[in-house]
Protein backbone atom coordinates (compact mmCIF):
# COMPACT_ATOMS: atom_id res chain seq x y z
CA MET A 1 -1.85 -15.02 -15.35
CA THR A 2 1.10 -17.14 -16.33
CA HIS A 3 4.41 -16.15 -17.82
CA GLN A 4 3.48 -17.84 -21.12
CA GLN A 5 0.28 -15.78 -21.35
CA LEU A 6 2.28 -12.60 -20.81
CA GLN A 7 4.76 -13.57 -23.49
CA ALA A 8 1.90 -14.11 -25.97
CA MET A 9 0.57 -10.55 -25.45
CA SER A 10 1.50 -7.65 -27.70
CA MET A 11 3.17 -4.52 -26.32
CA ASP A 12 -0.11 -2.59 -26.49
CA GLU A 13 -1.88 -5.32 -24.52
CA LEU A 14 0.89 -5.34 -21.94
CA ARG A 15 0.73 -1.56 -21.54
CA SER A 16 -3.04 -1.57 -21.12
CA THR A 17 -2.79 -4.40 -18.58
CA ARG A 18 -0.13 -2.46 -16.66
CA ASP A 19 -2.35 0.64 -16.66
CA LEU A 20 -5.32 -1.35 -15.35
CA ILE A 21 -3.22 -2.83 -12.57
CA GLN A 22 -1.80 0.57 -11.60
CA ARG A 23 -5.30 2.10 -11.47
CA GLU A 24 -6.52 -0.75 -9.26
CA ILE A 25 -3.58 -0.27 -6.87
CA GLU A 26 -4.29 3.47 -6.64
CA TYR A 27 -8.01 2.80 -6.09
CA ARG A 28 -7.28 0.40 -3.23
CA ALA A 29 -4.85 2.89 -1.68
CA GLN A 30 -7.62 5.51 -1.68
CA GLU A 31 -9.98 3.03 0.00
CA ILE A 32 -7.37 2.46 2.69
CA LYS A 33 -6.93 6.20 3.11
CA TYR A 34 -10.62 6.72 3.86
CA GLU A 35 -10.73 3.77 6.29
CA LEU A 36 -7.75 4.97 8.34
CA ARG A 37 -8.07 7.24 11.35
CA ILE A 38 -5.37 8.83 13.46
CA GLY A 39 -4.49 6.44 16.26
CA ASP A 40 -5.40 3.27 14.35
CA LYS A 41 -3.06 0.32 14.72
CA VAL A 42 -1.63 -0.80 11.36
CA LYS A 43 0.86 -3.18 9.81
CA VAL A 44 3.24 -2.15 7.02
CA ASN A 45 3.76 -4.68 4.23
CA HIS A 46 7.54 -4.39 3.95
CA ASN A 47 10.45 -6.73 4.61
CA ARG A 48 11.93 -4.51 7.34
CA THR A 49 8.70 -4.30 9.34
CA VAL A 50 7.60 -7.94 9.52
CA GLY A 51 5.60 -8.49 12.70
CA MET A 52 5.66 -4.84 13.77
CA ILE A 53 2.56 -2.85 14.70
CA PHE A 54 2.46 0.90 14.11
CA SER A 55 0.12 3.70 15.10
CA VAL A 56 -1.16 6.18 12.50
CA VAL A 57 0.01 9.72 13.34
CA GLU A 58 -0.95 11.59 10.17
CA ILE A 59 -2.64 10.81 6.86
CA LYS A 60 -1.38 12.63 3.79
CA ARG A 61 -2.50 12.53 0.15
CA LYS A 62 -0.50 9.45 -0.87
CA LYS A 63 1.32 8.53 2.33
CA ALA A 64 0.67 7.94 6.00
CA VAL A 65 2.97 8.87 8.86
CA VAL A 66 3.18 5.93 11.26
CA ALA A 67 4.99 5.62 14.58
CA THR A 68 6.39 2.70 16.54
CA LEU A 69 5.94 2.29 20.27
CA ASP A 70 9.35 3.87 20.90
CA GLY A 71 8.34 6.99 18.93
CA SER A 72 10.18 6.43 15.64
CA ARG A 73 8.17 7.86 12.75
CA TYR A 74 8.05 6.70 9.15
CA ASN A 75 6.39 8.01 5.96
CA VAL A 76 4.77 5.01 4.32
CA ALA A 77 2.95 4.71 0.99
CA LEU A 78 -0.74 3.96 1.53
CA GLN A 79 -0.43 0.87 -0.68
CA LEU A 80 1.76 -0.73 1.99
CA VAL A 81 -0.53 -0.03 4.95
CA GLU A 82 -3.16 -2.43 6.26
CA LYS A 83 -5.18 -2.30 9.45
CA ALA A 84 -3.97 -4.61 12.21
CA GLN A 85 -6.48 -7.13 13.52
């Protein structure tokens, strides 16, 4: 979708599009949640963690606790987590 197409939309259309996108993000986060297991190796899609691999320590309702090799732990939103290859 281009910027011009967004500008042509009414406020109601923009709101409904935003709601659809938000629901899709939440749905995909739930899919990730059910695929993850404790001990899985994951990447976190964030600027500070480029190239880093984490291990899943705990899976919460909307977040996962991940740890680095040196033992540092982080609470990460499920939307940012993806399994490492």
